[in-house]
Amino acid sequence: IFHAHYGLDFTWVLLGLLASGYYLAKQARSERQAELEILGVKVHDLTMREAVERVKELFRTGRQGYVVTPNPEFIMSAAKDKEFTHILNKSDLSIPDGAGLVWASRIWGTPLRERVAGSDLFWELCAEAARRGGRIFLLGAKPGVAEKTAQIVRKRFPKIKIAGTFAGDGSPAGDVETIANLNQSASHHPIDILFVAYGHGKQERWIKRNLKKVKVKVAVGVGGTFDYVSGQVALAPKFMRVLGLEWLYRLVREPWRIKRQWALVSFSISTFKESFRR
């Protein structure tokens, strides 16, 4: 999913300003691109509204599908993991969750229209499920977090149907129990949307491994969204989110994330290297 979940990073704005005029002078394609490849990973060029419509289209066709939410950390992980790259590129919908992806696309002269945050998509899909009488299931996060998230979702959307919640651990060893839990919840009616919150990489592998084994129409990886919704992890103040400083807020509160910030540095370097090859 974050998913979000990771700000309109002001960092990327600064990097864009520091980029040479050569890159900034590149013109966007005259025809709208359906998708863009960012360092080997497919990303669809769409708005939030269009992303929701794509999910609704999966419902209409009756075909199982899954949604991924790549950000720079995803991209750099995929660069070292062909299996992960394959899973991302075989998805039915790949939304530009990270502001860094939008920044990179602009540097290359093939701008994505907007960032589609995974955490925002979570709420939009919950709203759609409530409108159409669809059923959702919340899978992942630490024990008790999905249940708390479900309570908050019900408060916002009283008519929503939540088929169930389950933590599990996302590992192959736990698949049998998790699949049994899901299919029990879908014994009378299939689950329309399965939100999977095991963190990037782990959740996508779980989906790819098990989607065909469960009575689910669409699975969506949502990263740390349950933690945000349930209040386990505090959201940055609105002004920091607007300025794209959410990353800084999280780093101050969670210093251990400093190692993960290197993925952003690596992504920036790779973006500029790719610019010279284009």
Protein backbone atom coordinates (compact mmCIF):
# COMPACT_ATOMS: atom_id res chain seq x y z
CA ILE A 1 0.00 0.00 0.00
CA PHE A 2 2.05 2.99 1.80
CA HIS A 3 2.36 2.61 1.73
CA ALA A 4 2.36 6.83 1.97
CA HIS A 5 3.35 7.29 3.01
CA TYR A 6 6.30 9.04 2.54
CA GLY A 7 5.57 12.77 1.95
CA LEU A 8 5.78 15.13 -1.03
CA ASP A 9 9.46 15.06 -0.27
CA PHE A 10 10.88 18.56 -0.21
CA THR A 11 14.18 16.79 -0.73
CA TRP A 12 13.15 16.01 -4.29
CA VAL A 13 12.18 19.62 -4.88
CA LEU A 14 15.64 20.74 -3.78
CA LEU A 15 17.31 18.15 -5.97
CA GLY A 16 15.21 19.29 -8.89
CA LEU A 17 16.32 22.88 -8.37
CA LEU A 18 19.95 21.77 -8.20
CA ALA A 19 19.68 19.81 -11.43
CA SER A 20 21.28 21.42 -14.46
CA GLY A 21 19.25 23.47 -16.91
CA TYR A 22 19.82 20.73 -19.45
CA TYR A 23 17.62 18.32 -17.58
CA LEU A 24 15.00 20.87 -16.63
CA ALA A 25 14.76 22.06 -20.23
CA LYS A 26 13.72 18.66 -21.54
CA GLN A 27 10.21 18.68 -22.93
CA ALA A 28 7.51 16.23 -21.88
CA ARG A 29 6.20 13.81 -24.45
CA SER A 30 3.47 15.28 -26.60
CA GLU A 31 1.32 12.20 -26.15
CA ARG A 32 0.27 11.06 -22.70
CA GLN A 33 2.21 7.99 -21.59
CA ALA A 34 0.27 5.04 -20.22
CA GLU A 35 3.20 3.97 -18.09
CA LEU A 36 6.83 4.77 -17.44
CA GLU A 37 9.76 2.52 -16.61
CA ILE A 38 11.73 3.87 -13.68
CA LEU A 39 15.08 2.10 -13.35
CA GLY A 40 13.55 -1.13 -14.59
CA VAL A 41 10.25 -0.93 -12.71
CA LYS A 42 6.92 -0.26 -14.41
CA VAL A 43 4.93 2.66 -13.01
CA HIS A 44 1.56 3.76 -14.37
CA ASP A 45 1.00 7.41 -15.17
CA LEU A 46 -2.37 8.18 -13.66
CA THR A 47 -4.23 10.28 -11.14
CA MET A 48 -5.84 9.06 -7.93
CA ARG A 49 -9.25 9.05 -9.59
CA GLU A 50 -7.91 7.00 -12.48
CA ALA A 51 -6.24 4.55 -10.08
CA VAL A 52 -9.58 3.91 -8.39
CA GLU A 53 -11.21 3.45 -11.80
CA ARG A 54 -8.56 0.87 -12.72
CA VAL A 55 -9.41 -1.13 -9.62
CA LYS A 56 -13.12 -0.86 -10.42
CA GLU A 57 -12.34 -2.16 -13.90
CA LEU A 58 -10.82 -5.28 -12.33
CA PHE A 59 -14.08 -5.77 -10.44
CA ARG A 60 -16.07 -5.47 -13.66
CA THR A 61 -13.95 -7.99 -15.54
CA GLY A 62 -14.04 -10.47 -12.68
CA ARG A 63 -10.32 -11.14 -13.07
CA GLN A 64 -8.11 -11.40 -10.01
CA GLY A 65 -5.46 -8.71 -9.81
CA TYR A 66 -3.01 -6.98 -7.53
CA VAL A 67 -1.81 -3.44 -6.93
CA VAL A 68 1.69 -2.33 -5.95
CA THR A 69 2.83 1.04 -4.63
CA PRO A 70 6.48 1.61 -5.58
CA ASN A 71 8.59 4.38 -4.07
CA PRO A 72 12.38 4.93 -4.28
CA GLU A 73 13.02 2.24 -1.67
CA PHE A 74 11.06 -0.27 -3.77
CA ILE A 75 13.01 0.72 -6.87
CA MET A 76 16.41 0.27 -5.23
CA SER A 77 15.39 -3.08 -3.72
CA ALA A 78 14.22 -4.23 -7.14
CA ALA A 79 17.56 -3.23 -8.67
CA LYS A 80 19.19 -5.95 -6.56
CA ASP A 81 16.37 -8.50 -6.77
CA LYS A 82 15.12 -9.78 -10.14
CA GLU A 83 12.28 -11.72 -8.53
CA PHE A 84 10.97 -8.57 -6.85
CA THR A 85 11.27 -6.66 -10.13
CA HIS A 86 9.27 -9.37 -11.88
CA ILE A 87 6.52 -9.24 -9.24
CA LEU A 88 6.24 -5.46 -9.51
CA ASN A 89 6.19 -5.51 -13.30
CA LYS A 90 3.52 -8.21 -13.47
CA SER A 91 1.13 -6.19 -11.30
CA ASP A 92 -2.18 -4.98 -12.71
CA LEU A 93 -1.64 -1.52 -11.30
CA SER A 94 1.61 0.14 -10.20
CA ILE A 95 1.03 3.57 -8.68
CA PRO A 96 3.75 6.23 -8.15
CA ASP A 97 3.63 6.26 -4.35
CA GLY A 98 6.90 8.09 -3.79
CA ALA A 99 7.46 11.76 -4.61
CA GLY A 100 10.93 10.74 -5.76
CA LEU A 101 9.42 8.85 -8.68
CA VAL A 102 7.59 11.97 -9.84
CA TRP A 103 10.80 13.97 -9.50
CA ALA A 104 12.78 11.43 -11.53
CA SER A 105 10.17 11.38 -14.29
CA ARG A 106 10.38 15.17 -14.59
CA ILE A 107 14.15 15.13 -14.76
CA TRP A 108 13.91 12.66 -17.65
CA GLY A 109 11.36 14.78 -19.48
CA THR A 110 8.58 12.18 -19.13
CA PRO A 111 6.66 13.62 -16.19
CA LEU A 112 4.18 11.57 -14.22
CA ARG A 113 1.08 13.64 -13.58
CA GLU A 114 0.96 13.23 -9.83
CA ARG A 115 2.03 11.23 -6.84
CA VAL A 116 -0.62 8.70 -5.83
CA ALA A 117 0.09 7.95 -2.17
CA GLY A 118 -0.65 4.39 -1.11
CA SER A 119 -2.14 5.52 2.19
CA ASP A 120 -4.53 7.84 0.35
CA LEU A 121 -5.45 5.08 -2.08
CA PHE A 122 -6.34 2.92 0.93
CA TRP A 123 -8.98 5.44 2.02
CA GLU A 124 -10.26 5.95 -1.52
CA LEU A 125 -10.73 2.21 -1.99
CA CYS A 126 -12.43 1.90 1.40
CA ALA A 127 -14.82 4.66 0.32
CA GLU A 128 -15.49 2.84 -2.94
CA ALA A 129 -16.11 -0.44 -1.10
CA ALA A 130 -18.56 1.31 1.22
CA ARG A 131 -20.43 2.84 -1.75
CA ARG A 132 -20.75 -0.39 -3.68
CA GLY A 133 -21.36 -2.71 -0.74
CA GLY A 134 -18.02 -4.42 -1.24
CA ARG A 135 -16.17 -6.45 1.37
CA ILE A 136 -12.61 -5.78 2.53
CA PHE A 137 -10.11 -7.74 4.61
CA LEU A 138 -7.17 -6.27 6.53
CA LEU A 139 -4.12 -8.54 6.60
CA GLY A 140 -0.78 -7.87 8.24
CA ALA A 141 0.93 -5.45 10.64
CA LYS A 142 1.58 -6.38 14.28
CA PRO A 143 -1.08 -8.26 16.29
CA GLY A 144 -3.99 -6.00 17.14
CA VAL A 145 -3.12 -3.25 14.66
CA ALA A 146 -5.40 -4.49 11.87
CA GLU A 147 -8.27 -4.76 14.36
CA LYS A 148 -7.73 -1.18 15.53
CA THR A 149 -7.54 -0.06 11.91
CA ALA A 150 -10.84 -1.81 11.19
CA GLN A 151 -12.51 0.06 14.05
CA ILE A 152 -11.37 3.40 12.68
CA VAL A 153 -12.42 2.51 9.14
CA ARG A 154 -15.89 1.56 10.41
CA LYS A 155 -16.22 4.91 12.16
CA ARG A 156 -15.50 6.74 8.91
CA PHE A 157 -17.60 4.41 6.76
CA PRO A 158 -20.39 2.89 8.89
CA LYS A 159 -21.77 0.94 5.92
CA ILE A 160 -18.51 -0.74 4.99
CA LYS A 161 -18.35 -4.52 5.21
CA ILE A 162 -15.14 -5.76 6.81
CA ALA A 163 -14.87 -9.50 6.24
CA GLY A 164 -12.12 -9.88 8.80
CA THR A 165 -8.65 -9.02 10.06
CA PHE A 166 -5.58 -11.14 10.66
CA ALA A 167 -1.97 -10.38 11.47
CA GLY A 168 -0.12 -13.49 10.34
CA ASP A 169 3.59 -13.06 9.71
CA GLY A 170 3.82 -12.97 5.92
CA SER A 171 6.26 -15.87 5.77
CA PRO A 172 5.74 -19.01 3.66
CA ALA A 173 5.56 -21.01 6.91
CA GLY A 174 2.44 -19.11 7.92
CA ASP A 175 0.66 -19.29 4.56
CA VAL A 176 -1.55 -22.29 5.36
CA GLU A 177 -3.05 -20.64 8.45
CA THR A 178 -3.48 -17.28 6.73
CA ILE A 179 -5.12 -18.77 3.64
CA ALA A 180 -7.50 -20.80 5.79
CA ASN A 181 -8.45 -17.67 7.73
CA LEU A 182 -9.10 -15.69 4.55
CA ASN A 183 -11.12 -18.38 2.84
CA GLN A 184 -13.20 -18.95 5.96
CA SER A 185 -14.08 -15.25 5.90
CA ALA A 186 -14.98 -15.59 2.22
CA SER A 187 -16.94 -18.82 2.56
CA HIS A 188 -20.25 -17.19 1.58
CA HIS A 189 -19.12 -14.12 -0.36
CA PRO A 190 -15.72 -13.37 -1.91
CA ILE A 191 -13.57 -10.58 -0.55
CA ASP A 192 -13.48 -7.61 -2.91
CA ILE A 193 -10.31 -5.95 -1.64
CA LEU A 194 -7.55 -7.55 0.43
CA PHE A 195 -5.21 -4.97 1.95
CA VAL A 196 -1.83 -6.55 2.77
CA ALA A 197 0.45 -4.72 5.22
CA TYR A 198 3.69 -6.68 5.59
CA GLY A 199 6.02 -3.98 4.34
CA HIS A 200 7.58 -3.63 0.91
CA GLY A 201 8.91 -6.79 -0.64
CA LYS A 202 7.39 -9.16 1.88
CA GLN A 203 3.79 -8.16 1.11
CA GLU A 204 4.28 -8.34 -2.67
CA ARG A 205 5.83 -11.79 -2.38
CA TRP A 206 2.93 -12.92 -0.20
CA ILE A 207 0.43 -11.67 -2.77
CA LYS A 208 2.21 -13.29 -5.70
CA ARG A 209 2.55 -16.57 -3.81
CA ASN A 210 -1.01 -16.81 -2.56
CA LEU A 211 -3.44 -14.70 -4.57
CA LYS A 212 -4.71 -17.62 -6.64
CA LYS A 213 -5.31 -19.64 -3.47
CA VAL A 214 -7.73 -17.19 -1.86
CA LYS A 215 -11.24 -15.98 -2.69
CA VAL A 216 -10.18 -12.40 -3.27
CA LYS A 217 -10.82 -10.12 -6.24
CA VAL A 218 -8.06 -7.54 -5.77
CA ALA A 219 -5.06 -7.48 -3.41
CA VAL A 220 -3.29 -4.23 -2.55
CA GLY A 221 0.06 -3.90 -0.78
CA VAL A 222 -0.25 -1.01 1.68
CA GLY A 223 3.01 -1.08 3.66
CA GLY A 224 2.72 0.83 6.95
CA THR A 225 -0.75 2.23 6.31
CA PHE A 226 -2.36 0.30 9.17
CA ASP A 227 0.21 1.76 11.56
CA TYR A 228 -0.74 5.28 10.50
CA VAL A 229 -4.48 4.72 10.55
CA SER A 230 -4.41 3.01 13.96
CA GLY A 231 -2.15 5.66 15.47
CA GLN A 232 0.75 3.27 16.10
CA VAL A 233 2.93 5.66 14.10
CA ALA A 234 2.21 9.38 14.25
CA LEU A 235 1.62 11.29 11.05
CA ALA A 236 3.74 14.36 10.48
CA PRO A 237 2.00 17.71 11.05
CA LYS A 238 0.08 18.88 8.01
CA PHE A 239 2.48 21.74 7.23
CA MET A 240 5.39 19.29 7.11
CA ARG A 241 3.48 16.98 4.78
CA VAL A 242 2.65 19.91 2.51
CA LEU A 243 6.31 20.95 2.40
CA GLY A 244 7.40 17.38 1.80
CA LEU A 245 9.23 17.13 5.13
CA GLU A 246 7.44 14.02 6.35
CA TRP A 247 10.66 12.05 5.88
CA LEU A 248 12.44 14.38 8.31
CA TYR A 249 9.67 14.09 10.89
CA ARG A 250 9.82 10.31 10.74
CA LEU A 251 13.61 10.29 10.91
CA VAL A 252 13.61 12.41 14.07
CA ARG A 253 11.03 10.15 15.71
CA GLU A 254 12.59 6.94 14.40
CA PRO A 255 16.39 7.46 14.18
CA TRP A 256 16.87 3.84 13.18
CA ARG A 257 15.45 4.80 9.76
CA ILE A 258 18.72 6.54 8.87
CA LYS A 259 19.95 3.40 7.14
CA ARG A 260 16.83 3.32 4.99
CA GLN A 261 17.48 6.90 3.88
CA TRP A 262 20.49 5.67 1.93
CA ALA A 263 18.04 4.17 -0.55
CA LEU A 264 16.94 7.73 -1.34
CA VAL A 265 20.53 8.79 -1.92
CA SER A 266 21.17 5.77 -4.16
CA PHE A 267 17.97 6.48 -6.06
CA SER A 268 19.02 10.09 -6.68
CA ILE A 269 22.42 9.03 -8.00
CA SER A 270 20.86 6.37 -10.24
CA THR A 271 18.36 8.91 -11.55
CA PHE A 272 21.11 11.28 -12.70
CA LYS A 273 23.11 8.44 -14.24
CA GLU A 274 20.03 7.38 -16.19
CA SER A 275 19.61 10.97 -17.40
CA PHE A 276 22.94 10.77 -19.22
CA ARG A 277 21.93 7.52 -20.92
CA ARG A 278 18.65 8.90 -22.26
